[in-house]
Amino acid sequence: MKPFQSIIPIVLVVISLQFHGLSQERIDPSTLWYQGFVACEAGQELEKLGKRKEAIEKYNDAASCYGTLQALFPDFQSDIVKAKSTIIHNRLETLIAMPKAMPAIANPKRTDPSTLWFQGFVAFEEAAELETAHHYPEALRKCEEAGALYKGLATQHPDFQPDIVRLKQRTIADSRIRIIEGWKKWAWSLQEVE
């Protein structure tokens, strides 16, 4: 995506808001955040189902919401909004660079064990990035996704690197606990600020 393309949705939203007589004071930043969050979640689900085009549309919707949020409310959860925007931008770049057809992984029995391993690895790495950015709900979901992939790998392909798979499962379980604890601490810190 070219740099000027990412600003176009923001400009269009601001113009349309002004056209409809809505000022910055009448826009709720938490509503923009939530709309972006819902669109991003929908994009992730569509991506899992192999619906590339629809996933790109949802990620673009999310990017537009977060871009508008950054433009109109630069102080509203700026670190989180920036991290979420980066994640969405990376997903868009990946999807746009992919071939048109994206196969969905439906059954671990029919899937090559190395594919399951790689998908689990990618999900776990994404969980770590999300945790670092304090996106704990998404990090937990990605961590659980990685755990499910490695569990399917261990169950359906028990002879595929069993020691390494068990080690990875323990690492994921530890990370899951750390993410939950981090989420609790983060939530408490937000309450203390208010």
N, C-alpha and C. Protein backbone atom coordinates (compact mmCIF):
# COMPACT_ATOMS: atom_id res chain seq x y z
N MET A 1 0.85 -1.17 0.00
CA MET A 1 0.00 0.00 0.00
C MET A 1 0.89 1.23 0.00
N LYS A 2 0.60 2.14 -0.88
CA LYS A 2 1.39 3.36 -0.97
C LYS A 2 1.01 4.30 0.18
N PRO A 3 1.97 5.12 0.64
CA PRO A 3 1.70 5.97 1.79
C PRO A 3 0.47 6.84 1.65
N PHE A 4 0.24 7.42 0.49
CA PHE A 4 -0.91 8.31 0.33
C PHE A 4 -2.22 7.55 0.38
N GLN A 5 -2.21 6.25 0.05
CA GLN A 5 -3.44 5.47 0.08
C GLN A 5 -3.97 5.28 1.49
N SER A 6 -3.08 5.22 2.47
CA SER A 6 -3.54 5.01 3.84
C SER A 6 -4.20 6.26 4.42
N ILE A 7 -3.93 7.42 3.88
CA ILE A 7 -4.50 8.66 4.39
C ILE A 7 -5.86 8.96 3.73
N ILE A 8 -6.10 8.41 2.57
CA ILE A 8 -7.34 8.69 1.83
C ILE A 8 -8.58 8.36 2.66
N PRO A 9 -8.68 7.16 3.31
CA PRO A 9 -9.89 6.91 4.09
C PRO A 9 -10.09 7.91 5.22
N ILE A 10 -9.01 8.36 5.82
CA ILE A 10 -9.12 9.32 6.93
C ILE A 10 -9.70 10.63 6.41
N VAL A 11 -9.17 11.12 5.30
CA VAL A 11 -9.64 12.37 4.72
C VAL A 11 -11.11 12.24 4.35
N LEU A 12 -11.49 11.13 3.75
CA LEU A 12 -12.89 10.94 3.36
C LEU A 12 -13.81 10.90 4.57
N VAL A 13 -13.40 10.25 5.63
CA VAL A 13 -14.22 10.19 6.84
C VAL A 13 -14.37 11.58 7.45
N VAL A 14 -13.27 12.31 7.55
CA VAL A 14 -13.33 13.66 8.13
C VAL A 14 -14.23 14.56 7.30
N ILE A 15 -14.10 14.50 5.99
CA ILE A 15 -14.94 15.33 5.11
C ILE A 15 -16.41 14.94 5.26
N SER A 16 -16.68 13.62 5.29
CA SER A 16 -18.08 13.21 5.41
C SER A 16 -18.65 13.59 6.76
N LEU A 17 -17.85 13.53 7.82
CA LEU A 17 -18.33 13.94 9.14
C LEU A 17 -18.66 15.42 9.15
N GLN A 18 -17.81 16.22 8.53
CA GLN A 18 -18.06 17.66 8.48
C GLN A 18 -19.28 17.96 7.60
N PHE A 19 -19.42 17.21 6.51
CA PHE A 19 -20.55 17.40 5.61
C PHE A 19 -21.87 17.12 6.33
N HIS A 20 -21.85 16.12 7.18
CA HIS A 20 -23.07 15.75 7.91
C HIS A 20 -23.24 16.55 9.19
N GLY A 21 -22.38 17.53 9.41
CA GLY A 21 -22.53 18.41 10.56
C GLY A 21 -22.04 17.81 11.87
N LEU A 22 -21.25 16.76 11.81
CA LEU A 22 -20.75 16.16 13.04
C LEU A 22 -19.38 16.75 13.35
N SER A 23 -19.21 17.20 14.54
CA SER A 23 -17.93 17.76 14.92
C SER A 23 -17.17 16.73 15.74
N GLN A 24 -15.91 17.02 15.97
CA GLN A 24 -15.06 16.12 16.74
C GLN A 24 -15.65 15.90 18.14
N GLU A 25 -16.29 16.93 18.69
CA GLU A 25 -16.85 16.81 20.03
C GLU A 25 -18.00 15.81 20.08
N ARG A 26 -18.67 15.58 18.96
CA ARG A 26 -19.83 14.69 18.95
C ARG A 26 -19.46 13.26 18.57
N ILE A 27 -18.21 13.02 18.25
CA ILE A 27 -17.77 11.67 17.90
C ILE A 27 -17.16 11.05 19.14
N ASP A 28 -17.60 9.86 19.46
CA ASP A 28 -17.08 9.15 20.63
C ASP A 28 -15.88 8.30 20.20
N PRO A 29 -14.68 8.58 20.72
CA PRO A 29 -13.52 7.80 20.31
C PRO A 29 -13.63 6.32 20.67
N SER A 30 -14.32 6.01 21.76
CA SER A 30 -14.46 4.60 22.12
C SER A 30 -15.34 3.85 21.11
N THR A 31 -16.28 4.56 20.49
CA THR A 31 -17.10 3.94 19.45
C THR A 31 -16.25 3.63 18.22
N LEU A 32 -15.39 4.57 17.84
CA LEU A 32 -14.47 4.32 16.72
C LEU A 32 -13.56 3.14 17.03
N TRP A 33 -13.04 3.11 18.27
CA TRP A 33 -12.17 2.00 18.68
C TRP A 33 -12.92 0.68 18.55
N TYR A 34 -14.15 0.62 19.07
CA TYR A 34 -14.92 -0.61 19.05
C TYR A 34 -15.25 -1.04 17.63
N GLN A 35 -15.62 -0.09 16.77
CA GLN A 35 -15.92 -0.43 15.38
C GLN A 35 -14.68 -1.01 14.69
N GLY A 36 -13.52 -0.42 14.96
CA GLY A 36 -12.28 -0.94 14.41
C GLY A 36 -11.97 -2.33 14.93
N PHE A 37 -12.19 -2.53 16.23
CA PHE A 37 -11.94 -3.83 16.86
C PHE A 37 -12.83 -4.90 16.23
N VAL A 38 -14.12 -4.60 16.10
CA VAL A 38 -15.07 -5.57 15.52
C VAL A 38 -14.69 -5.90 14.07
N ALA A 39 -14.34 -4.87 13.30
CA ALA A 39 -13.94 -5.10 11.91
C ALA A 39 -12.67 -5.94 11.83
N CYS A 40 -11.72 -5.69 12.72
CA CYS A 40 -10.47 -6.46 12.74
C CYS A 40 -10.75 -7.92 13.09
N GLU A 41 -11.59 -8.15 14.10
CA GLU A 41 -11.95 -9.52 14.49
C GLU A 41 -12.63 -10.24 13.32
N ALA A 42 -13.53 -9.55 12.63
CA ALA A 42 -14.21 -10.14 11.48
C ALA A 42 -13.19 -10.47 10.39
N GLY A 43 -12.23 -9.58 10.18
CA GLY A 43 -11.18 -9.83 9.19
C GLY A 43 -10.38 -11.07 9.53
N GLN A 44 -10.06 -11.24 10.82
CA GLN A 44 -9.30 -12.42 11.25
C GLN A 44 -10.09 -13.70 11.02
N GLU A 45 -11.38 -13.66 11.33
CA GLU A 45 -12.23 -14.85 11.11
C GLU A 45 -12.33 -15.18 9.63
N LEU A 46 -12.54 -14.16 8.80
CA LEU A 46 -12.63 -14.38 7.36
C LEU A 46 -11.30 -14.91 6.81
N GLU A 47 -10.21 -14.40 7.34
CA GLU A 47 -8.88 -14.87 6.91
C GLU A 47 -8.72 -16.35 7.24
N LYS A 48 -9.16 -16.76 8.43
CA LYS A 48 -9.08 -18.18 8.81
C LYS A 48 -9.89 -19.06 7.88
N LEU A 49 -11.02 -18.52 7.40
CA LEU A 49 -11.89 -19.29 6.51
C LEU A 49 -11.40 -19.28 5.06
N GLY A 50 -10.32 -18.56 4.80
CA GLY A 50 -9.77 -18.49 3.46
C GLY A 50 -10.46 -17.49 2.57
N LYS A 51 -11.26 -16.59 3.15
CA LYS A 51 -11.98 -15.59 2.37
C LYS A 51 -11.13 -14.32 2.31
N ARG A 52 -10.16 -14.37 1.44
CA ARG A 52 -9.14 -13.32 1.33
C ARG A 52 -9.73 -11.95 1.03
N LYS A 53 -10.56 -11.88 0.00
CA LYS A 53 -11.11 -10.59 -0.43
C LYS A 53 -11.95 -9.95 0.68
N GLU A 54 -12.81 -10.74 1.32
CA GLU A 54 -13.65 -10.23 2.40
C GLU A 54 -12.80 -9.82 3.60
N ALA A 55 -11.74 -10.59 3.88
CA ALA A 55 -10.84 -10.26 4.98
C ALA A 55 -10.16 -8.91 4.73
N ILE A 56 -9.71 -8.70 3.50
CA ILE A 56 -9.07 -7.43 3.15
C ILE A 56 -10.05 -6.28 3.35
N GLU A 57 -11.31 -6.46 2.95
CA GLU A 57 -12.31 -5.41 3.13
C GLU A 57 -12.50 -5.07 4.61
N LYS A 58 -12.59 -6.11 5.46
CA LYS A 58 -12.78 -5.87 6.89
C LYS A 58 -11.55 -5.20 7.51
N TYR A 59 -10.36 -5.65 7.11
CA TYR A 59 -9.14 -5.02 7.63
C TYR A 59 -9.07 -3.55 7.18
N ASN A 60 -9.50 -3.27 5.95
CA ASN A 60 -9.53 -1.88 5.49
C ASN A 60 -10.51 -1.05 6.31
N ASP A 61 -11.67 -1.64 6.65
CA ASP A 61 -12.63 -0.95 7.51
C ASP A 61 -11.99 -0.63 8.87
N ALA A 62 -11.30 -1.63 9.42
CA ALA A 62 -10.64 -1.43 10.72
C ALA A 62 -9.56 -0.36 10.62
N ALA A 63 -8.79 -0.41 9.56
CA ALA A 63 -7.72 0.58 9.36
C ALA A 63 -8.31 1.98 9.25
N SER A 64 -9.43 2.10 8.60
CA SER A 64 -10.10 3.40 8.47
C SER A 64 -10.55 3.92 9.83
N CYS A 65 -11.12 3.03 10.64
CA CYS A 65 -11.56 3.45 11.99
C CYS A 65 -10.38 3.91 12.83
N TYR A 66 -9.31 3.12 12.84
CA TYR A 66 -8.15 3.48 13.66
C TYR A 66 -7.42 4.70 13.10
N GLY A 67 -7.41 4.84 11.78
CA GLY A 67 -6.80 6.02 11.18
C GLY A 67 -7.56 7.28 11.55
N THR A 68 -8.88 7.20 11.51
CA THR A 68 -9.72 8.33 11.91
C THR A 68 -9.50 8.65 13.39
N LEU A 69 -9.41 7.59 14.19
CA LEU A 69 -9.17 7.77 15.62
C LEU A 69 -7.84 8.48 15.86
N GLN A 70 -6.81 8.07 15.14
CA GLN A 70 -5.50 8.71 15.28
C GLN A 70 -5.55 10.18 14.83
N ALA A 71 -6.30 10.44 13.77
CA ALA A 71 -6.35 11.80 13.24
C ALA A 71 -7.16 12.74 14.13
N LEU A 72 -8.30 12.27 14.62
CA LEU A 72 -9.19 13.13 15.39
C LEU A 72 -8.90 13.14 16.89
N PHE A 73 -8.40 12.02 17.40
CA PHE A 73 -8.15 11.88 18.83
C PHE A 73 -6.75 11.30 19.06
N PRO A 74 -5.71 12.06 18.76
CA PRO A 74 -4.35 11.53 18.84
C PRO A 74 -3.94 11.08 20.24
N ASP A 75 -4.62 11.56 21.28
CA ASP A 75 -4.26 11.19 22.65
C ASP A 75 -5.08 10.01 23.18
N PHE A 76 -6.04 9.52 22.41
CA PHE A 76 -6.89 8.42 22.87
C PHE A 76 -6.14 7.10 22.71
N GLN A 77 -5.67 6.54 23.81
CA GLN A 77 -4.98 5.24 23.81
C GLN A 77 -3.99 5.15 22.65
N SER A 78 -3.17 6.16 22.51
CA SER A 78 -2.32 6.29 21.31
C SER A 78 -1.40 5.10 21.08
N ASP A 79 -0.80 4.56 22.14
CA ASP A 79 0.09 3.42 21.96
C ASP A 79 -0.66 2.19 21.46
N ILE A 80 -1.82 1.96 22.03
CA ILE A 80 -2.62 0.79 21.65
C ILE A 80 -3.15 0.96 20.22
N VAL A 81 -3.64 2.14 19.90
CA VAL A 81 -4.16 2.39 18.56
C VAL A 81 -3.05 2.24 17.52
N LYS A 82 -1.88 2.76 17.84
CA LYS A 82 -0.75 2.65 16.91
C LYS A 82 -0.36 1.18 16.71
N ALA A 83 -0.29 0.41 17.79
CA ALA A 83 0.07 -1.01 17.69
C ALA A 83 -0.98 -1.78 16.89
N LYS A 84 -2.24 -1.50 17.16
CA LYS A 84 -3.32 -2.18 16.44
C LYS A 84 -3.28 -1.81 14.95
N SER A 85 -3.01 -0.55 14.65
CA SER A 85 -2.91 -0.12 13.26
C SER A 85 -1.76 -0.83 12.55
N THR A 86 -0.65 -1.01 13.25
CA THR A 86 0.50 -1.70 12.67
C THR A 86 0.16 -3.15 12.37
N ILE A 87 -0.52 -3.81 13.31
CA ILE A 87 -0.92 -5.20 13.10
C ILE A 87 -1.83 -5.31 11.88
N ILE A 88 -2.81 -4.42 11.79
CA ILE A 88 -3.75 -4.44 10.67
C ILE A 88 -3.01 -4.19 9.36
N HIS A 89 -2.12 -3.22 9.36
CA HIS A 89 -1.33 -2.91 8.16
C HIS A 89 -0.51 -4.14 7.72
N ASN A 90 0.10 -4.82 8.68
CA ASN A 90 0.88 -6.03 8.36
C ASN A 90 0.00 -7.13 7.80
N ARG A 91 -1.20 -7.31 8.36
CA ARG A 91 -2.12 -8.33 7.85
C ARG A 91 -2.53 -7.98 6.42
N LEU A 92 -2.82 -6.69 6.18
CA LEU A 92 -3.20 -6.27 4.83
C LEU A 92 -2.07 -6.52 3.83
N GLU A 93 -0.86 -6.16 4.21
CA GLU A 93 0.28 -6.38 3.31
C GLU A 93 0.43 -7.87 2.99
N THR A 94 0.28 -8.71 4.01
CA THR A 94 0.40 -10.15 3.82
C THR A 94 -0.69 -10.67 2.90
N LEU A 95 -1.94 -10.27 3.14
CA LEU A 95 -3.05 -10.75 2.33
C LEU A 95 -2.96 -10.25 0.89
N ILE A 96 -2.56 -9.01 0.72
CA ILE A 96 -2.46 -8.47 -0.63
C ILE A 96 -1.36 -9.17 -1.41
N ALA A 97 -0.29 -9.56 -0.72
CA ALA A 97 0.82 -10.24 -1.38
C ALA A 97 0.53 -11.72 -1.67
N MET A 98 -0.51 -12.28 -1.02
CA MET A 98 -0.83 -13.70 -1.19
C MET A 98 -1.48 -13.95 -2.54
N PRO A 99 -1.37 -15.21 -2.99
CA PRO A 99 -2.12 -15.57 -4.18
C PRO A 99 -3.63 -15.42 -3.93
N LYS A 100 -4.40 -15.36 -4.98
CA LYS A 100 -5.83 -15.10 -4.85
C LYS A 100 -6.56 -16.16 -4.02
N ALA A 101 -6.20 -17.41 -4.14
CA ALA A 101 -6.88 -18.46 -3.39
C ALA A 101 -6.10 -18.76 -2.11
N MET A 102 -6.81 -18.77 -0.99
CA MET A 102 -6.21 -19.05 0.31
C MET A 102 -6.90 -20.27 0.89
N PRO A 103 -6.26 -21.42 0.94
CA PRO A 103 -6.95 -22.60 1.48
C PRO A 103 -7.13 -22.50 2.99
N ALA A 104 -8.30 -22.86 3.45
CA ALA A 104 -8.55 -22.90 4.89
C ALA A 104 -8.13 -24.26 5.42
N ILE A 105 -7.56 -24.29 6.60
CA ILE A 105 -7.15 -25.54 7.23
C ILE A 105 -8.34 -26.02 8.04
N ALA A 106 -8.92 -27.14 7.61
CA ALA A 106 -10.13 -27.61 8.26
C ALA A 106 -9.88 -28.83 9.14
N ASN A 107 -9.10 -29.78 8.68
CA ASN A 107 -8.96 -31.04 9.38
C ASN A 107 -7.49 -31.37 9.58
N PRO A 108 -7.03 -31.46 10.84
CA PRO A 108 -5.62 -31.76 11.08
C PRO A 108 -5.18 -33.10 10.51
N LYS A 109 -6.10 -34.07 10.40
CA LYS A 109 -5.73 -35.39 9.88
C LYS A 109 -5.27 -35.29 8.43
N ARG A 110 -5.90 -34.41 7.67
CA ARG A 110 -5.57 -34.28 6.25
C ARG A 110 -4.47 -33.27 5.99
N THR A 111 -4.00 -32.65 7.03
CA THR A 111 -3.01 -31.60 6.87
C THR A 111 -1.63 -32.14 7.15
N ASP A 112 -0.69 -31.73 6.35
CA ASP A 112 0.70 -32.10 6.54
C ASP A 112 1.15 -31.62 7.93
N PRO A 113 1.82 -32.47 8.71
CA PRO A 113 2.21 -32.04 10.06
C PRO A 113 3.11 -30.80 10.07
N SER A 114 3.94 -30.64 9.07
CA SER A 114 4.81 -29.46 9.05
C SER A 114 3.98 -28.19 8.83
N THR A 115 2.86 -28.29 8.13
CA THR A 115 1.97 -27.14 7.95
C THR A 115 1.33 -26.77 9.27
N LEU A 116 0.86 -27.78 10.02
CA LEU A 116 0.29 -27.51 11.34
C LEU A 116 1.33 -26.88 12.26
N TRP A 117 2.54 -27.42 12.21
CA TRP A 117 3.63 -26.87 13.04
C TRP A 117 3.84 -25.39 12.71
N PHE A 118 3.93 -25.09 11.42
CA PHE A 118 4.20 -23.71 11.00
C PHE A 118 3.06 -22.79 11.39
N GLN A 119 1.82 -23.24 11.20
CA GLN A 119 0.68 -22.40 11.58
C GLN A 119 0.66 -22.14 13.08
N GLY A 120 0.99 -23.15 13.86
CA GLY A 120 1.09 -22.97 15.31
C GLY A 120 2.18 -22.00 15.68
N PHE A 121 3.31 -22.12 15.00
CA PHE A 121 4.45 -21.22 15.24
C PHE A 121 4.06 -19.78 14.94
N VAL A 122 3.42 -19.56 13.79
CA VAL A 122 3.01 -18.20 13.40
C VAL A 122 2.01 -17.64 14.40
N ALA A 123 1.02 -18.45 14.79
CA ALA A 123 0.02 -17.99 15.76
C ALA A 123 0.68 -17.62 17.08
N PHE A 124 1.65 -18.41 17.52
CA PHE A 124 2.34 -18.14 18.78
C PHE A 124 3.16 -16.85 18.69
N GLU A 125 3.83 -16.64 17.57
CA GLU A 125 4.60 -15.41 17.37
C GLU A 125 3.69 -14.19 17.35
N GLU A 126 2.53 -14.31 16.70
CA GLU A 126 1.57 -13.20 16.69
C GLU A 126 1.06 -12.91 18.10
N ALA A 127 0.85 -13.99 18.89
CA ALA A 127 0.42 -13.80 20.28
C ALA A 127 1.47 -13.02 21.06
N ALA A 128 2.73 -13.34 20.84
CA ALA A 128 3.81 -12.63 21.54
C ALA A 128 3.83 -11.15 21.15
N GLU A 129 3.65 -10.85 19.87
CA GLU A 129 3.62 -9.46 19.42
C GLU A 129 2.44 -8.71 20.04
N LEU A 130 1.29 -9.37 20.05
CA LEU A 130 0.09 -8.74 20.62
C LEU A 130 0.25 -8.52 22.12
N GLU A 131 0.88 -9.47 22.80
CA GLU A 131 1.12 -9.32 24.24
C GLU A 131 2.04 -8.13 24.49
N THR A 132 3.08 -8.00 23.70
CA THR A 132 4.02 -6.89 23.85
C THR A 132 3.31 -5.55 23.66
N ALA A 133 2.33 -5.53 22.76
CA ALA A 133 1.57 -4.30 22.49
C ALA A 133 0.40 -4.12 23.46
N HIS A 134 0.30 -4.99 24.46
CA HIS A 134 -0.75 -4.94 25.48
C HIS A 134 -2.14 -5.18 24.89
N HIS A 135 -2.22 -5.96 23.83
CA HIS A 135 -3.51 -6.37 23.26
C HIS A 135 -3.82 -7.77 23.79
N TYR A 136 -4.12 -7.81 25.07
CA TYR A 136 -4.23 -9.09 25.76
C TYR A 136 -5.35 -9.99 25.26
N PRO A 137 -6.55 -9.48 24.96
CA PRO A 137 -7.59 -10.39 24.47
C PRO A 137 -7.18 -11.08 23.17
N GLU A 138 -6.61 -10.30 22.23
CA GLU A 138 -6.18 -10.88 20.97
C GLU A 138 -4.99 -11.82 21.18
N ALA A 139 -4.10 -11.45 22.09
CA ALA A 139 -2.93 -12.29 22.37
C ALA A 139 -3.38 -13.63 22.94
N LEU A 140 -4.34 -13.59 23.84
CA LEU A 140 -4.85 -14.83 24.44
C LEU A 140 -5.51 -15.70 23.38
N ARG A 141 -6.28 -15.08 22.50
CA ARG A 141 -6.94 -15.84 21.43
C ARG A 141 -5.91 -16.50 20.52
N LYS A 142 -4.87 -15.74 20.15
CA LYS A 142 -3.82 -16.30 19.28
C LYS A 142 -3.05 -17.41 19.99
N CYS A 143 -2.81 -17.23 21.27
CA CYS A 143 -2.10 -18.24 22.05
C CYS A 143 -2.93 -19.53 22.11
N GLU A 144 -4.23 -19.38 22.32
CA GLU A 144 -5.10 -20.55 22.35
C GLU A 144 -5.20 -21.21 20.98
N GLU A 145 -5.17 -20.40 19.93
CA GLU A 145 -5.16 -20.95 18.57
C GLU A 145 -3.89 -21.79 18.35
N ALA A 146 -2.75 -21.25 18.78
CA ALA A 146 -1.49 -21.99 18.66
C ALA A 146 -1.55 -23.29 19.46
N GLY A 147 -2.10 -23.21 20.67
CA GLY A 147 -2.23 -24.41 21.50
C GLY A 147 -3.10 -25.46 20.84
N ALA A 148 -4.21 -25.03 20.23
CA ALA A 148 -5.10 -25.97 19.56
C ALA A 148 -4.40 -26.63 18.35
N LEU A 149 -3.62 -25.84 17.63
CA LEU A 149 -2.90 -26.40 16.48
C LEU A 149 -1.87 -27.45 16.93
N TYR A 150 -1.13 -27.15 17.99
CA TYR A 150 -0.13 -28.11 18.47
C TYR A 150 -0.80 -29.32 19.11
N LYS A 151 -1.96 -29.13 19.74
CA LYS A 151 -2.69 -30.27 20.29
C LYS A 151 -3.17 -31.18 19.16
N GLY A 152 -3.70 -30.57 18.08
CA GLY A 152 -4.11 -31.36 16.92
C GLY A 152 -2.93 -32.08 16.30
N LEU A 153 -1.78 -31.40 16.27
CA LEU A 153 -0.57 -32.02 15.73
C LEU A 153 -0.16 -33.22 16.58
N ALA A 154 -0.17 -33.06 17.90
CA ALA A 154 0.22 -34.15 18.80
C ALA A 154 -0.75 -35.32 18.73
N THR A 155 -2.03 -35.00 18.56
CA THR A 155 -3.06 -36.04 18.52
C THR A 155 -3.07 -36.78 17.19
N GLN A 156 -3.05 -36.02 16.10
CA GLN A 156 -3.21 -36.61 14.78
C GLN A 156 -1.90 -37.13 14.17
N HIS A 157 -0.79 -36.57 14.61
CA HIS A 157 0.52 -36.97 14.08
C HIS A 157 1.48 -37.18 15.25
N PRO A 158 1.23 -38.21 16.08
CA PRO A 158 2.02 -38.39 17.31
C PRO A 158 3.51 -38.65 17.07
N ASP A 159 3.87 -39.07 15.88
CA ASP A 159 5.28 -39.37 15.59
C ASP A 159 6.05 -38.17 15.06
N PHE A 160 5.38 -37.04 14.88
CA PHE A 160 6.04 -35.86 14.33
C PHE A 160 6.68 -35.06 15.47
N GLN A 161 7.98 -35.15 15.62
CA GLN A 161 8.76 -34.39 16.60
C GLN A 161 8.07 -34.34 17.97
N PRO A 162 7.77 -35.49 18.58
CA PRO A 162 6.96 -35.47 19.82
C PRO A 162 7.58 -34.67 20.97
N ASP A 163 8.90 -34.74 21.15
CA ASP A 163 9.52 -34.00 22.25
C ASP A 163 9.41 -32.50 22.04
N ILE A 164 9.64 -32.07 20.81
CA ILE A 164 9.57 -30.63 20.51
C ILE A 164 8.13 -30.13 20.61
N VAL A 165 7.18 -30.94 20.16
CA VAL A 165 5.77 -30.55 20.23
C VAL A 165 5.35 -30.41 21.69
N ARG A 166 5.75 -31.37 22.56
CA ARG A 166 5.42 -31.27 23.99
C ARG A 166 6.04 -30.01 24.61
N LEU A 167 7.29 -29.73 24.26
CA LEU A 167 7.95 -28.53 24.77
C LEU A 167 7.20 -27.27 24.33
N LYS A 168 6.79 -27.25 23.07
CA LYS A 168 6.05 -26.09 22.54
C LYS A 168 4.71 -25.94 23.27
N GLN A 169 4.05 -27.07 23.55
CA GLN A 169 2.78 -27.02 24.27
C GLN A 169 2.97 -26.46 25.68
N ARG A 170 4.05 -26.84 26.36
CA ARG A 170 4.33 -26.30 27.69
C ARG A 170 4.62 -24.80 27.61
N THR A 171 5.39 -24.40 26.60
CA THR A 171 5.71 -22.98 26.41
C THR A 171 4.43 -22.18 26.18
N ILE A 172 3.53 -22.72 25.38
CA ILE A 172 2.26 -22.03 25.10
C ILE A 172 1.42 -21.93 26.37
N ALA A 173 1.37 -23.00 27.16
CA ALA A 173 0.61 -22.98 28.41
C ALA A 173 1.17 -21.92 29.36
N ASP A 174 2.50 -21.84 29.45
CA ASP A 174 3.13 -20.81 30.29
C ASP A 174 2.82 -19.42 29.77
N SER A 175 2.86 -19.25 28.47
CA SER A 175 2.56 -17.94 27.87
C SER A 175 1.12 -17.55 28.12
N ARG A 176 0.22 -18.52 28.06
CA ARG A 176 -1.20 -18.25 28.30
C ARG A 176 -1.38 -17.69 29.71
N ILE A 177 -0.73 -18.30 30.68
CA ILE A 177 -0.81 -17.82 32.07
C ILE A 177 -0.22 -16.42 32.18
N ARG A 178 0.93 -16.20 31.53
CA ARG A 178 1.57 -14.89 31.58
C ARG A 178 0.69 -13.81 30.94
N ILE A 179 0.03 -14.15 29.84
CA ILE A 179 -0.85 -13.19 29.16
C ILE A 179 -2.02 -12.83 30.07
N ILE A 180 -2.62 -13.82 30.71
CA ILE A 180 -3.75 -13.57 31.61
C ILE A 180 -3.31 -12.68 32.78
N GLU A 181 -2.15 -12.98 33.35
CA GLU A 181 -1.63 -12.17 34.46
C GLU A 181 -1.32 -10.74 33.99
N GLY A 182 -0.71 -10.62 32.81
CA GLY A 182 -0.42 -9.29 32.26
C GLY A 182 -1.69 -8.51 32.02
N TRP A 183 -2.72 -9.19 31.54
CA TRP A 183 -4.01 -8.57 31.28
C TRP A 183 -4.60 -8.02 32.58
N LYS A 184 -4.52 -8.83 33.64
CA LYS A 184 -5.05 -8.39 34.94
C LYS A 184 -4.30 -7.15 35.43
N LYS A 185 -2.97 -7.19 35.37
CA LYS A 185 -2.17 -6.05 35.83
C LYS A 185 -2.47 -4.82 35.00
N TRP A 186 -2.60 -4.99 33.69
CA TRP A 186 -2.89 -3.88 32.80
C TRP A 186 -4.26 -3.27 33.13
N ALA A 187 -5.24 -4.13 33.36
CA ALA A 187 -6.59 -3.65 33.69
C ALA A 187 -6.57 -2.89 35.01
N TRP A 188 -5.81 -3.38 35.99
CA TRP A 188 -5.71 -2.67 37.27
C TRP A 188 -5.03 -1.33 37.10
N SER A 189 -4.01 -1.29 36.26
CA SER A 189 -3.30 -0.01 36.07
C SER A 189 -4.22 1.02 35.41
N LEU A 190 -5.11 0.57 34.54
CA LEU A 190 -6.06 1.49 33.92
C LEU A 190 -7.05 2.02 34.95
N GLN A 191 -7.47 1.17 35.88
CA GLN A 191 -8.41 1.59 36.91
C GLN A 191 -7.76 2.60 37.84
N GLU A 192 -6.46 2.42 38.11
CA GLU A 192 -5.76 3.35 39.00
C GLU A 192 -5.64 4.74 38.37
N VAL A 193 -5.48 4.77 37.03
CA VAL A 193 -5.36 6.04 36.32
C VAL A 193 -6.67 6.81 36.40
N GLU A 194 -7.78 6.11 36.27
CA GLU A 194 -9.09 6.76 36.30
C GLU A 194 -9.38 7.19 37.70
